[in-house]
Amino acid sequence: EIADGGTLFLDEIGDLPLDLQVKLLRALQEGELERVGGTRQVRVDVRVIAATHRDLEALVHEGRFRADLFYRLHVFPIRTPALRERPEDVPELVRYFVLKYAAKLGKRIESVPRELLDRLAAYSWPGNIRELANVIERSVILSRGTTLELEGFMPAPAIQTSGGPPAARTLEELERLHIVETL
């Protein structure tokens, strides 16, 4: 009702339970809704944008998403590739998130090492951009200087070891790693 005359964004529509799908479909088809506890229909004119990471067509075939709602929402589909499908976007996104979180936290991060950008671009990002944003925010929080540090948050590149003892670290480094792992 608040979105009347405007746009309503429905995130993760693929996770909507079937009983709510029926109510949403009715509201979209009829342009009416009933307030919780209400007794009358309220007319609304709303543009709907729906997003999901799920394959809605497959969910329809499995009977977990209503076909009529799928076709109602599938008027103008836009597919955005997952971050793992566009690693060339990672450096620009990293810069954006560094600026955003550094400003939010009152920190000054002036550089992001090329090796770090390459490592981030090579990662598969199962959590997509949200995961990248969280990794960068943690990194900004934990960076001690003006260069972004990423230690402990990304899988290290595969390194063959001879099975020898771990590299020597200072007590301060070990304490920091322990605190980071605990957090």
C-alpha atoms as a PDB file:
ATOM      1  CA  GLU A   1       0.000   0.000   0.000  1.00  0.00           C
ATOM      2  CA  ILE A   2       2.898   2.348   0.752  1.00  0.00           C
ATOM      3  CA  ALA A   3       4.329   1.603  -2.716  1.00  0.00           C
ATOM      4  CA  ASP A   4       1.083   2.711  -4.423  1.00  0.00           C
ATOM      5  CA  GLY A   5       2.028   4.763  -7.468  1.00  0.00           C
ATOM      6  CA  GLY A   6       5.620   3.595  -7.242  1.00  0.00           C
ATOM      7  CA  THR A   7       7.859   0.547  -7.372  1.00  0.00           C
ATOM      8  CA  LEU A   8       7.972  -2.423  -5.011  1.00  0.00           C
ATOM      9  CA  PHE A   9      11.192  -4.452  -4.941  1.00  0.00           C
ATOM     10  CA  LEU A  10      10.773  -8.079  -3.894  1.00  0.00           C
ATOM     11  CA  ASP A  11      14.138  -9.657  -3.112  1.00  0.00           C
ATOM     12  CA  GLU A  12      14.582 -13.444  -3.154  1.00  0.00           C
ATOM     13  CA  ILE A  13      11.135 -14.064  -4.607  1.00  0.00           C
ATOM     14  CA  GLY A  14      12.185 -17.696  -5.202  1.00  0.00           C
ATOM     15  CA  ASP A  15      12.127 -18.269  -1.436  1.00  0.00           C
ATOM     16  CA  LEU A  16       8.506 -17.113  -1.041  1.00  0.00           C
ATOM     17  CA  PRO A  17       6.307 -19.902   0.405  1.00  0.00           C
ATOM     18  CA  LEU A  18       3.485 -21.161  -1.811  1.00  0.00           C
ATOM     19  CA  ASP A  19       0.737 -19.774   0.455  1.00  0.00           C
ATOM     20  CA  LEU A  20       2.200 -16.259   0.150  1.00  0.00           C
ATOM     21  CA  GLN A  21       2.668 -16.687  -3.594  1.00  0.00           C
ATOM     22  CA  VAL A  22      -1.119 -17.020  -3.912  1.00  0.00           C
ATOM     23  CA  LYS A  23      -1.676 -13.757  -2.022  1.00  0.00           C
ATOM     24  CA  LEU A  24       0.964 -11.922  -4.034  1.00  0.00           C
ATOM     25  CA  LEU A  25      -0.474 -13.187  -7.298  1.00  0.00           C
ATOM     26  CA  ARG A  26      -3.945 -12.027  -6.295  1.00  0.00           C
ATOM     27  CA  ALA A  27      -2.622  -8.569  -5.403  1.00  0.00           C
ATOM     28  CA  LEU A  28      -0.739  -8.306  -8.704  1.00  0.00           C
ATOM     29  CA  GLN A  29      -3.654  -9.518 -10.834  1.00  0.00           C
ATOM     30  CA  GLU A  30      -6.418  -7.576  -9.138  1.00  0.00           C
ATOM     31  CA  GLY A  31      -4.436  -4.496  -8.137  1.00  0.00           C
ATOM     32  CA  GLU A  32      -5.998  -4.840  -4.695  1.00  0.00           C
ATOM     33  CA  LEU A  33      -4.927  -5.958  -1.289  1.00  0.00           C
ATOM     34  CA  GLU A  34      -6.485  -6.364   2.102  1.00  0.00           C
ATOM     35  CA  ARG A  35      -4.704  -4.990   5.143  1.00  0.00           C
ATOM     36  CA  VAL A  36      -3.925  -7.429   7.923  1.00  0.00           C
ATOM     37  CA  GLY A  37      -6.978  -7.295  10.154  1.00  0.00           C
ATOM     38  CA  GLY A  38      -8.812  -5.219   7.556  1.00  0.00           C
ATOM     39  CA  THR A  39     -12.240  -5.852   6.116  1.00  0.00           C
ATOM     40  CA  ARG A  40     -12.102  -4.000   2.805  1.00  0.00           C
ATOM     41  CA  GLN A  41      -9.994  -4.153  -0.339  1.00  0.00           C
ATOM     42  CA  VAL A  42      -7.518  -1.319  -0.980  1.00  0.00           C
ATOM     43  CA  ARG A  43      -6.691  -0.465  -4.622  1.00  0.00           C
ATOM     44  CA  VAL A  44      -2.987  -0.141  -5.451  1.00  0.00           C
ATOM     45  CA  ASP A  45      -1.035   0.620  -8.592  1.00  0.00           C
ATOM     46  CA  VAL A  46       2.433  -0.793  -8.123  1.00  0.00           C
ATOM     47  CA  ARG A  47       5.299  -1.632 -10.467  1.00  0.00           C
ATOM     48  CA  VAL A  48       6.995  -4.803  -9.199  1.00  0.00           C
ATOM     49  CA  ILE A  49      10.638  -5.689  -9.579  1.00  0.00           C
ATOM     50  CA  ALA A  50      11.495  -9.159  -8.311  1.00  0.00           C
ATOM     51  CA  ALA A  51      14.940 -10.680  -7.838  1.00  0.00           C
ATOM     52  CA  THR A  52      16.210 -14.121  -6.977  1.00  0.00           C
ATOM     53  CA  HIS A  53      19.314 -16.243  -7.236  1.00  0.00           C
ATOM     54  CA  ARG A  54      17.178 -19.324  -7.898  1.00  0.00           C
ATOM     55  CA  ASP A  55      16.098 -20.800 -11.229  1.00  0.00           C
ATOM     56  CA  LEU A  56      12.368 -20.006 -11.097  1.00  0.00           C
ATOM     57  CA  GLU A  57      11.563 -22.121 -14.158  1.00  0.00           C
ATOM     58  CA  ALA A  58      13.071 -25.163 -12.450  1.00  0.00           C
ATOM     59  CA  LEU A  59      11.106 -24.368  -9.279  1.00  0.00           C
ATOM     60  CA  VAL A  60       7.917 -24.201 -11.365  1.00  0.00           C
ATOM     61  CA  HIS A  61       8.675 -27.653 -12.831  1.00  0.00           C
ATOM     62  CA  GLU A  62       9.317 -28.977  -9.299  1.00  0.00           C
ATOM     63  CA  GLY A  63       5.998 -27.540  -8.099  1.00  0.00           C
ATOM     64  CA  ARG A  64       7.689 -25.183  -5.624  1.00  0.00           C
ATOM     65  CA  PHE A  65       6.812 -21.954  -7.447  1.00  0.00           C
ATOM     66  CA  ARG A  66       3.468 -21.107  -9.027  1.00  0.00           C
ATOM     67  CA  ALA A  67       3.575 -21.012 -12.834  1.00  0.00           C
ATOM     68  CA  ASP A  68       0.971 -18.232 -12.985  1.00  0.00           C
ATOM     69  CA  LEU A  69       3.048 -16.045 -10.643  1.00  0.00           C
ATOM     70  CA  PHE A  70       6.176 -16.856 -12.636  1.00  0.00           C
ATOM     71  CA  TYR A  71       4.531 -15.644 -15.873  1.00  0.00           C
ATOM     72  CA  ARG A  72       3.121 -12.584 -14.123  1.00  0.00           C
ATOM     73  CA  LEU A  73       6.621 -11.612 -12.943  1.00  0.00           C
ATOM     74  CA  HIS A  74       8.482 -12.720 -16.081  1.00  0.00           C
ATOM     75  CA  VAL A  75       7.398  -9.759 -18.227  1.00  0.00           C
ATOM     76  CA  PHE A  76      10.855  -8.249 -18.693  1.00  0.00           C
ATOM     77  CA  PRO A  77      13.544 -10.592 -17.334  1.00  0.00           C
ATOM     78  CA  ILE A  78      17.063  -9.298 -16.794  1.00  0.00           C
ATOM     79  CA  ARG A  79      19.755 -11.830 -15.982  1.00  0.00           C
ATOM     80  CA  THR A  80      22.704 -10.518 -14.040  1.00  0.00           C
ATOM     81  CA  PRO A  81      25.645 -12.917 -14.107  1.00  0.00           C
ATOM     82  CA  ALA A  82      27.050 -14.040 -10.779  1.00  0.00           C
ATOM     83  CA  LEU A  83      30.275 -12.379  -9.664  1.00  0.00           C
ATOM     84  CA  ARG A  84      32.238 -15.581 -10.387  1.00  0.00           C
ATOM     85  CA  GLU A  85      31.206 -15.184 -14.050  1.00  0.00           C
ATOM     86  CA  ARG A  86      32.655 -11.658 -14.266  1.00  0.00           C
ATOM     87  CA  PRO A  87      35.955 -11.565 -12.372  1.00  0.00           C
ATOM     88  CA  GLU A  88      36.967  -8.453 -14.329  1.00  0.00           C
ATOM     89  CA  ASP A  89      34.425  -6.512 -12.202  1.00  0.00           C
ATOM     90  CA  VAL A  90      36.046  -7.494  -8.895  1.00  0.00           C
ATOM     91  CA  PRO A  91      38.770  -4.791  -8.778  1.00  0.00           C
ATOM     92  CA  GLU A  92      36.278  -1.971  -9.369  1.00  0.00           C
ATOM     93  CA  LEU A  93      33.870  -3.418  -6.783  1.00  0.00           C
ATOM     94  CA  VAL A  94      36.718  -3.763  -4.280  1.00  0.00           C
ATOM     95  CA  ARG A  95      37.642  -0.103  -4.775  1.00  0.00           C
ATOM     96  CA  TYR A  96      34.010   0.929  -4.331  1.00  0.00           C
ATOM     97  CA  PHE A  97      33.583  -1.079  -1.112  1.00  0.00           C
ATOM     98  CA  VAL A  98      36.925   0.098   0.276  1.00  0.00           C
ATOM     99  CA  LEU A  99      35.898   3.738  -0.222  1.00  0.00           C
ATOM    100  CA  LYS A 100      32.436   3.104   1.224  1.00  0.00           C
ATOM    101  CA  TYR A 101      33.578   1.276   4.368  1.00  0.00           C
ATOM    102  CA  ALA A 102      36.655   3.420   4.964  1.00  0.00           C
ATOM    103  CA  ALA A 103      34.436   6.526   4.937  1.00  0.00           C
ATOM    104  CA  LYS A 104      31.863   4.843   7.172  1.00  0.00           C
ATOM    105  CA  LEU A 105      34.527   3.777   9.662  1.00  0.00           C
ATOM    106  CA  GLY A 106      36.591   6.957   9.487  1.00  0.00           C
ATOM    107  CA  LYS A 107      39.662   5.122   8.198  1.00  0.00           C
ATOM    108  CA  ARG A 108      42.073   6.075   5.450  1.00  0.00           C
ATOM    109  CA  ILE A 109      42.798   3.250   3.007  1.00  0.00           C
ATOM    110  CA  GLU A 110      44.837   4.609   0.122  1.00  0.00           C
ATOM    111  CA  SER A 111      45.907   1.482  -1.719  1.00  0.00           C
ATOM    112  CA  VAL A 112      44.916  -2.068  -2.508  1.00  0.00           C
ATOM    113  CA  PRO A 113      47.846  -4.301  -3.508  1.00  0.00           C
ATOM    114  CA  ARG A 114      47.658  -5.834  -7.004  1.00  0.00           C
ATOM    115  CA  GLU A 115      48.293  -9.325  -5.530  1.00  0.00           C
ATOM    116  CA  LEU A 116      45.255  -8.892  -3.288  1.00  0.00           C
ATOM    117  CA  LEU A 117      43.066  -7.817  -6.237  1.00  0.00           C
ATOM    118  CA  ASP A 118      44.270 -10.831  -8.228  1.00  0.00           C
ATOM    119  CA  ARG A 119      43.454 -13.131  -5.300  1.00  0.00           C
ATOM    120  CA  LEU A 120      39.981 -11.653  -4.957  1.00  0.00           C
ATOM    121  CA  ALA A 121      39.325 -11.938  -8.705  1.00  0.00           C
ATOM    122  CA  ALA A 122      40.381 -15.613  -8.668  1.00  0.00           C
ATOM    123  CA  TYR A 123      37.975 -16.536  -5.844  1.00  0.00           C
ATOM    124  CA  SER A 124      34.597 -18.095  -6.863  1.00  0.00           C
ATOM    125  CA  TRP A 125      32.386 -15.906  -4.581  1.00  0.00           C
ATOM    126  CA  PRO A 126      29.632 -18.371  -3.650  1.00  0.00           C
ATOM    127  CA  GLY A 127      27.990 -15.555  -1.637  1.00  0.00           C
ATOM    128  CA  ASN A 128      28.251 -13.231  -4.647  1.00  0.00           C
ATOM    129  CA  ILE A 129      28.617  -9.457  -4.128  1.00  0.00           C
ATOM    130  CA  ARG A 130      27.269  -9.595  -0.551  1.00  0.00           C
ATOM    131  CA  GLU A 131      30.154 -11.883   0.390  1.00  0.00           C
ATOM    132  CA  LEU A 132      32.670  -9.586  -1.312  1.00  0.00           C
ATOM    133  CA  ALA A 133      31.235  -6.572   0.532  1.00  0.00           C
ATOM    134  CA  ASN A 134      31.525  -8.385   3.878  1.00  0.00           C
ATOM    135  CA  VAL A 135      35.098  -9.477   3.191  1.00  0.00           C
ATOM    136  CA  ILE A 136      36.091  -5.920   2.276  1.00  0.00           C
ATOM    137  CA  GLU A 137      34.333  -4.423   5.304  1.00  0.00           C
ATOM    138  CA  ARG A 138      36.171  -6.839   7.643  1.00  0.00           C
ATOM    139  CA  SER A 139      39.421  -6.070   5.866  1.00  0.00           C
ATOM    140  CA  VAL A 140      38.940  -2.319   6.250  1.00  0.00           C
ATOM    141  CA  ILE A 141      38.170  -2.806   9.944  1.00  0.00           C
ATOM    142  CA  LEU A 142      41.297  -4.894  10.513  1.00  0.00           C
ATOM    143  CA  SER A 143      43.718  -3.029   8.246  1.00  0.00           C
ATOM    144  CA  ARG A 144      46.302  -1.295  10.411  1.00  0.00           C
ATOM    145  CA  GLY A 145      47.653   1.186   7.921  1.00  0.00           C
ATOM    146  CA  THR A 146      46.647   2.909   4.726  1.00  0.00           C
ATOM    147  CA  THR A 147      46.993  -0.278   2.640  1.00  0.00           C
ATOM    148  CA  LEU A 148      44.151  -2.775   2.602  1.00  0.00           C
ATOM    149  CA  GLU A 149      45.068  -6.033   4.341  1.00  0.00           C
ATOM    150  CA  LEU A 150      43.192  -9.257   3.706  1.00  0.00           C
ATOM    151  CA  GLU A 151      44.976 -11.807   5.873  1.00  0.00           C
ATOM    152  CA  GLY A 152      42.802 -14.652   7.110  1.00  0.00           C
ATOM    153  CA  PHE A 153      39.647 -13.967   5.102  1.00  0.00           C
ATOM    154  CA  MET A 154      40.299 -15.516   1.746  1.00  0.00           C
ATOM    155  CA  PRO A 155      41.586 -18.941   0.900  1.00  0.00           C
ATOM    156  CA  ALA A 156      45.272 -18.612   0.223  1.00  0.00           C
ATOM    157  CA  PRO A 157      46.456 -19.674  -3.205  1.00  0.00           C
ATOM    158  CA  ALA A 158      47.279 -23.358  -3.314  1.00  0.00           C
ATOM    159  CA  ILE A 159      50.849 -23.749  -2.111  1.00  0.00           C
ATOM    160  CA  GLN A 160      52.670 -27.048  -2.092  1.00  0.00           C
ATOM    161  CA  THR A 161      54.361 -27.604   1.242  1.00  0.00           C
ATOM    162  CA  SER A 162      56.953 -30.137   2.164  1.00  0.00           C
ATOM    163  CA  GLY A 163      55.139 -31.009   5.362  1.00  0.00           C
ATOM    164  CA  GLY A 164      57.710 -29.137   7.438  1.00  0.00           C
ATOM    165  CA  PRO A 165      56.982 -26.920  10.417  1.00  0.00           C
ATOM    166  CA  PRO A 166      54.825 -23.814   9.903  1.00  0.00           C
ATOM    167  CA  ALA A 167      56.619 -20.559   9.203  1.00  0.00           C
ATOM    168  CA  ALA A 168      57.795 -18.802  12.348  1.00  0.00           C
ATOM    169  CA  ARG A 169      55.603 -15.922  13.486  1.00  0.00           C
ATOM    170  CA  THR A 170      55.936 -13.332  16.175  1.00  0.00           C
ATOM    171  CA  LEU A 171      53.796 -13.553  19.287  1.00  0.00           C
ATOM    172  CA  GLU A 172      51.955 -10.414  18.150  1.00  0.00           C
ATOM    173  CA  GLU A 173      51.122 -12.014  14.781  1.00  0.00           C
ATOM    174  CA  LEU A 174      49.884 -15.196  16.459  1.00  0.00           C
ATOM    175  CA  GLU A 175      47.720 -13.200  18.895  1.00  0.00           C
ATOM    176  CA  ARG A 176      46.229 -11.179  16.054  1.00  0.00           C
ATOM    177  CA  LEU A 177      45.479 -14.318  14.018  1.00  0.00           C
ATOM    178  CA  HIS A 178      43.876 -15.956  17.047  1.00  0.00           C
ATOM    179  CA  ILE A 179      41.677 -12.902  17.682  1.00  0.00           C
ATOM    180  CA  VAL A 180      40.680 -12.704  13.999  1.00  0.00           C
ATOM    181  CA  GLU A 181      39.818 -16.431  13.869  1.00  0.00           C
ATOM    182  CA  THR A 182      37.834 -16.127  17.091  1.00  0.00           C
ATOM    183  CA  LEU A 183      35.889 -13.156  15.754  1.00  0.00           C
END
